[in-house]
Amino acid sequence: MSRATITSAQLYAILDREFRQLQPMACRRCRAPLPYWRAPPDEVSANWNIGTPEECPRGCHRVVAELLARMWTLYDMEPEARN
């Protein structure tokens, strides 16, 4: 399976849009976590991750986990340029 390689900004925009569509209507406090590049642990894993979201009483943290599992199969992230 091949993933599309996109910038961190593009990936965050996708995560944010998808999270807002799936987020429980009763919660407007939670936000999509920022993705960051990391060396993939193996040849089939994505090369990015997110920070651990806070546990939300309305279930936003579960939405993030489901979204992450889906997005990991679709996208890789371009490594950040070092200055």
N, C-alpha and C. Protein backbone atom coordinates (compact mmCIF):
# COMPACT_ATOMS: atom_id res chain seq x y z
N MET A 1 0.85 -1.17 0.00
CA MET A 1 0.00 0.00 0.00
C MET A 1 0.90 1.24 0.00
N SER A 2 0.57 2.19 -0.83
CA SER A 2 1.36 3.42 -0.84
C SER A 2 0.55 4.57 -0.26
N ARG A 3 1.26 5.44 0.41
CA ARG A 3 0.64 6.61 1.03
C ARG A 3 1.03 7.86 0.25
N ALA A 4 0.17 8.84 0.26
CA ALA A 4 0.50 10.15 -0.31
C ALA A 4 1.42 10.85 0.68
N THR A 5 2.46 11.50 0.17
CA THR A 5 3.37 12.27 1.02
C THR A 5 2.98 13.73 0.94
N ILE A 6 2.68 14.32 2.10
CA ILE A 6 2.21 15.70 2.16
C ILE A 6 2.97 16.45 3.25
N THR A 7 2.83 17.76 3.26
CA THR A 7 3.51 18.57 4.29
C THR A 7 2.78 18.44 5.62
N SER A 8 3.46 18.85 6.67
CA SER A 8 2.83 18.82 8.00
C SER A 8 1.60 19.73 8.05
N ALA A 9 1.66 20.87 7.36
CA ALA A 9 0.52 21.79 7.33
C ALA A 9 -0.67 21.16 6.62
N GLN A 10 -0.41 20.48 5.52
CA GLN A 10 -1.50 19.81 4.80
C GLN A 10 -2.10 18.70 5.65
N LEU A 11 -1.24 17.94 6.31
CA LEU A 11 -1.71 16.85 7.15
C LEU A 11 -2.55 17.40 8.31
N TYR A 12 -2.09 18.46 8.94
CA TYR A 12 -2.87 19.04 10.04
C TYR A 12 -4.22 19.55 9.53
N ALA A 13 -4.25 20.17 8.37
CA ALA A 13 -5.52 20.65 7.82
C ALA A 13 -6.50 19.50 7.62
N ILE A 14 -6.01 18.38 7.13
CA ILE A 14 -6.87 17.20 6.93
C ILE A 14 -7.33 16.67 8.28
N LEU A 15 -6.41 16.52 9.22
CA LEU A 15 -6.78 16.02 10.56
C LEU A 15 -7.81 16.93 11.21
N ASP A 16 -7.59 18.23 11.14
CA ASP A 16 -8.50 19.19 11.75
C ASP A 16 -9.89 19.12 11.11
N ARG A 17 -9.93 19.09 9.79
CA ARG A 17 -11.22 19.02 9.10
C ARG A 17 -11.97 17.75 9.46
N GLU A 18 -11.28 16.61 9.41
CA GLU A 18 -11.93 15.33 9.72
C GLU A 18 -12.36 15.27 11.19
N PHE A 19 -11.52 15.78 12.08
CA PHE A 19 -11.87 15.78 13.50
C PHE A 19 -13.12 16.60 13.74
N ARG A 20 -13.20 17.76 13.14
CA ARG A 20 -14.39 18.63 13.34
C ARG A 20 -15.66 17.98 12.83
N GLN A 21 -15.56 17.17 11.78
CA GLN A 21 -16.74 16.48 11.26
C GLN A 21 -17.20 15.35 12.19
N LEU A 22 -16.24 14.73 12.91
CA LEU A 22 -16.54 13.59 13.76
C LEU A 22 -16.70 13.94 15.24
N GLN A 23 -16.25 15.12 15.62
CA GLN A 23 -16.27 15.55 17.01
C GLN A 23 -17.70 15.59 17.55
N PRO A 24 -17.91 15.11 18.78
CA PRO A 24 -19.25 15.21 19.37
C PRO A 24 -19.72 16.66 19.41
N MET A 25 -20.97 16.89 19.06
CA MET A 25 -21.53 18.24 19.02
C MET A 25 -21.46 18.93 20.38
N ALA A 26 -21.51 18.15 21.45
CA ALA A 26 -21.52 18.74 22.80
C ALA A 26 -20.16 19.28 23.22
N CYS A 27 -19.10 18.99 22.47
CA CYS A 27 -17.75 19.44 22.85
C CYS A 27 -17.20 20.38 21.79
N ARG A 28 -16.81 21.54 22.21
CA ARG A 28 -16.14 22.50 21.32
C ARG A 28 -14.79 22.91 21.90
N ARG A 29 -14.38 22.25 22.99
CA ARG A 29 -13.12 22.57 23.65
C ARG A 29 -11.94 21.86 22.98
N CYS A 30 -12.11 20.61 22.59
CA CYS A 30 -11.01 19.80 22.08
C CYS A 30 -10.63 20.20 20.65
N ARG A 31 -9.37 19.99 20.33
CA ARG A 31 -8.82 20.30 19.00
C ARG A 31 -8.04 19.10 18.49
N ALA A 32 -7.85 19.05 17.20
CA ALA A 32 -7.02 18.00 16.60
C ALA A 32 -5.57 18.24 17.01
N PRO A 33 -4.87 17.20 17.46
CA PRO A 33 -3.47 17.36 17.84
C PRO A 33 -2.58 17.62 16.62
N LEU A 34 -1.48 18.31 16.82
CA LEU A 34 -0.53 18.57 15.74
C LEU A 34 0.27 17.31 15.43
N PRO A 35 0.43 17.01 14.14
CA PRO A 35 1.27 15.87 13.77
C PRO A 35 2.75 16.27 13.78
N TYR A 36 3.61 15.30 14.01
CA TYR A 36 5.04 15.54 13.95
C TYR A 36 5.72 14.36 13.26
N TRP A 37 6.81 14.66 12.56
CA TRP A 37 7.55 13.62 11.84
C TRP A 37 8.34 12.77 12.82
N ARG A 38 8.44 11.49 12.50
CA ARG A 38 9.29 10.56 13.25
C ARG A 38 9.73 9.48 12.28
N ALA A 39 10.86 8.89 12.56
CA ALA A 39 11.31 7.78 11.72
C ALA A 39 10.32 6.63 11.91
N PRO A 40 9.85 6.05 10.82
CA PRO A 40 8.88 4.95 10.98
C PRO A 40 9.53 3.75 11.69
N PRO A 41 8.79 3.09 12.57
CA PRO A 41 9.36 1.97 13.32
C PRO A 41 9.61 0.72 12.46
N ASP A 42 8.93 0.65 11.31
CA ASP A 42 9.13 -0.47 10.39
C ASP A 42 8.74 -0.02 8.99
N GLU A 43 8.86 -0.92 8.02
CA GLU A 43 8.63 -0.52 6.63
C GLU A 43 7.15 -0.35 6.25
N VAL A 44 6.24 -0.71 7.12
CA VAL A 44 4.82 -0.57 6.79
C VAL A 44 4.11 0.54 7.56
N SER A 45 4.79 1.14 8.54
CA SER A 45 4.17 2.16 9.38
C SER A 45 4.36 3.55 8.79
N ALA A 46 3.46 4.45 9.15
CA ALA A 46 3.56 5.85 8.74
C ALA A 46 4.74 6.51 9.45
N ASN A 47 5.20 7.61 8.88
CA ASN A 47 6.37 8.31 9.43
C ASN A 47 6.00 9.52 10.29
N TRP A 48 4.82 9.51 10.86
CA TRP A 48 4.39 10.63 11.70
C TRP A 48 3.56 10.10 12.86
N ASN A 49 3.39 10.96 13.82
CA ASN A 49 2.59 10.63 14.99
C ASN A 49 1.97 11.92 15.51
N ILE A 50 1.19 11.81 16.56
CA ILE A 50 0.61 12.98 17.23
C ILE A 50 0.85 12.84 18.72
N GLY A 51 0.73 13.93 19.44
CA GLY A 51 0.80 13.86 20.88
C GLY A 51 -0.45 13.18 21.42
N THR A 52 -0.36 12.68 22.63
CA THR A 52 -1.51 12.02 23.25
C THR A 52 -2.55 13.05 23.64
N PRO A 53 -3.77 12.93 23.09
CA PRO A 53 -4.80 13.90 23.45
C PRO A 53 -5.29 13.68 24.89
N GLU A 54 -5.75 14.76 25.50
CA GLU A 54 -6.34 14.64 26.84
C GLU A 54 -7.61 13.81 26.75
N GLU A 55 -7.91 13.08 27.82
CA GLU A 55 -9.14 12.32 27.85
C GLU A 55 -10.31 13.30 27.97
N CYS A 56 -11.28 13.15 27.10
CA CYS A 56 -12.43 14.05 27.06
C CYS A 56 -13.66 13.28 27.54
N PRO A 57 -14.45 13.87 28.44
CA PRO A 57 -15.65 13.18 28.92
C PRO A 57 -16.68 12.95 27.82
N ARG A 58 -16.57 13.66 26.72
CA ARG A 58 -17.52 13.49 25.61
C ARG A 58 -16.98 12.55 24.53
N GLY A 59 -15.76 12.04 24.71
CA GLY A 59 -15.23 11.02 23.81
C GLY A 59 -14.36 11.50 22.68
N CYS A 60 -13.94 12.75 22.71
CA CYS A 60 -13.09 13.27 21.63
C CYS A 60 -11.80 12.48 21.49
N HIS A 61 -11.23 12.00 22.60
CA HIS A 61 -9.98 11.24 22.54
C HIS A 61 -10.17 9.94 21.76
N ARG A 62 -11.35 9.36 21.82
CA ARG A 62 -11.63 8.15 21.02
C ARG A 62 -11.76 8.50 19.54
N VAL A 63 -12.36 9.65 19.25
CA VAL A 63 -12.46 10.13 17.87
C VAL A 63 -11.06 10.32 17.29
N VAL A 64 -10.17 10.91 18.06
CA VAL A 64 -8.80 11.13 17.60
C VAL A 64 -8.12 9.79 17.32
N ALA A 65 -8.29 8.81 18.19
CA ALA A 65 -7.67 7.49 18.00
C ALA A 65 -8.17 6.82 16.72
N GLU A 66 -9.46 6.89 16.47
CA GLU A 66 -10.03 6.30 15.25
C GLU A 66 -9.54 7.04 14.01
N LEU A 67 -9.50 8.35 14.09
CA LEU A 67 -9.03 9.17 12.98
C LEU A 67 -7.56 8.88 12.68
N LEU A 68 -6.76 8.78 13.72
CA LEU A 68 -5.35 8.48 13.56
C LEU A 68 -5.14 7.13 12.86
N ALA A 69 -5.86 6.12 13.28
CA ALA A 69 -5.74 4.80 12.66
C ALA A 69 -6.06 4.86 11.17
N ARG A 70 -7.04 5.65 10.80
CA ARG A 70 -7.41 5.77 9.38
C ARG A 70 -6.39 6.59 8.59
N MET A 71 -5.94 7.71 9.16
CA MET A 71 -5.02 8.60 8.45
C MET A 71 -3.63 8.00 8.30
N TRP A 72 -3.20 7.16 9.26
CA TRP A 72 -1.90 6.50 9.16
C TRP A 72 -1.80 5.65 7.90
N THR A 73 -2.93 5.13 7.44
CA THR A 73 -2.89 4.28 6.25
C THR A 73 -2.87 5.09 4.96
N LEU A 74 -3.20 6.38 5.03
CA LEU A 74 -3.33 7.20 3.84
C LEU A 74 -2.17 8.15 3.57
N TYR A 75 -1.50 8.62 4.63
CA TYR A 75 -0.53 9.71 4.45
C TYR A 75 0.80 9.45 5.15
N ASP A 76 1.85 9.89 4.48
CA ASP A 76 3.17 10.07 5.09
C ASP A 76 3.43 11.57 5.10
N MET A 77 4.33 11.99 5.95
CA MET A 77 4.61 13.41 6.08
C MET A 77 6.03 13.70 5.59
N GLU A 78 6.17 14.78 4.84
CA GLU A 78 7.50 15.20 4.42
C GLU A 78 8.31 15.56 5.66
N PRO A 79 9.58 15.12 5.70
CA PRO A 79 10.41 15.53 6.85
C PRO A 79 10.57 17.04 6.88
N GLU A 80 10.60 17.60 8.08
CA GLU A 80 10.79 19.04 8.24
C GLU A 80 12.22 19.41 7.86
N ALA A 81 12.38 20.52 7.18
CA ALA A 81 13.71 21.01 6.83
C ALA A 81 14.39 21.55 8.07
N ARG A 82 15.64 21.22 8.25
CA ARG A 82 16.39 21.74 9.40
C ARG A 82 17.20 22.93 8.97
N ASN A 83 17.18 23.96 9.77
CA ASN A 83 17.93 25.19 9.45
C ASN A 83 19.36 25.11 9.90
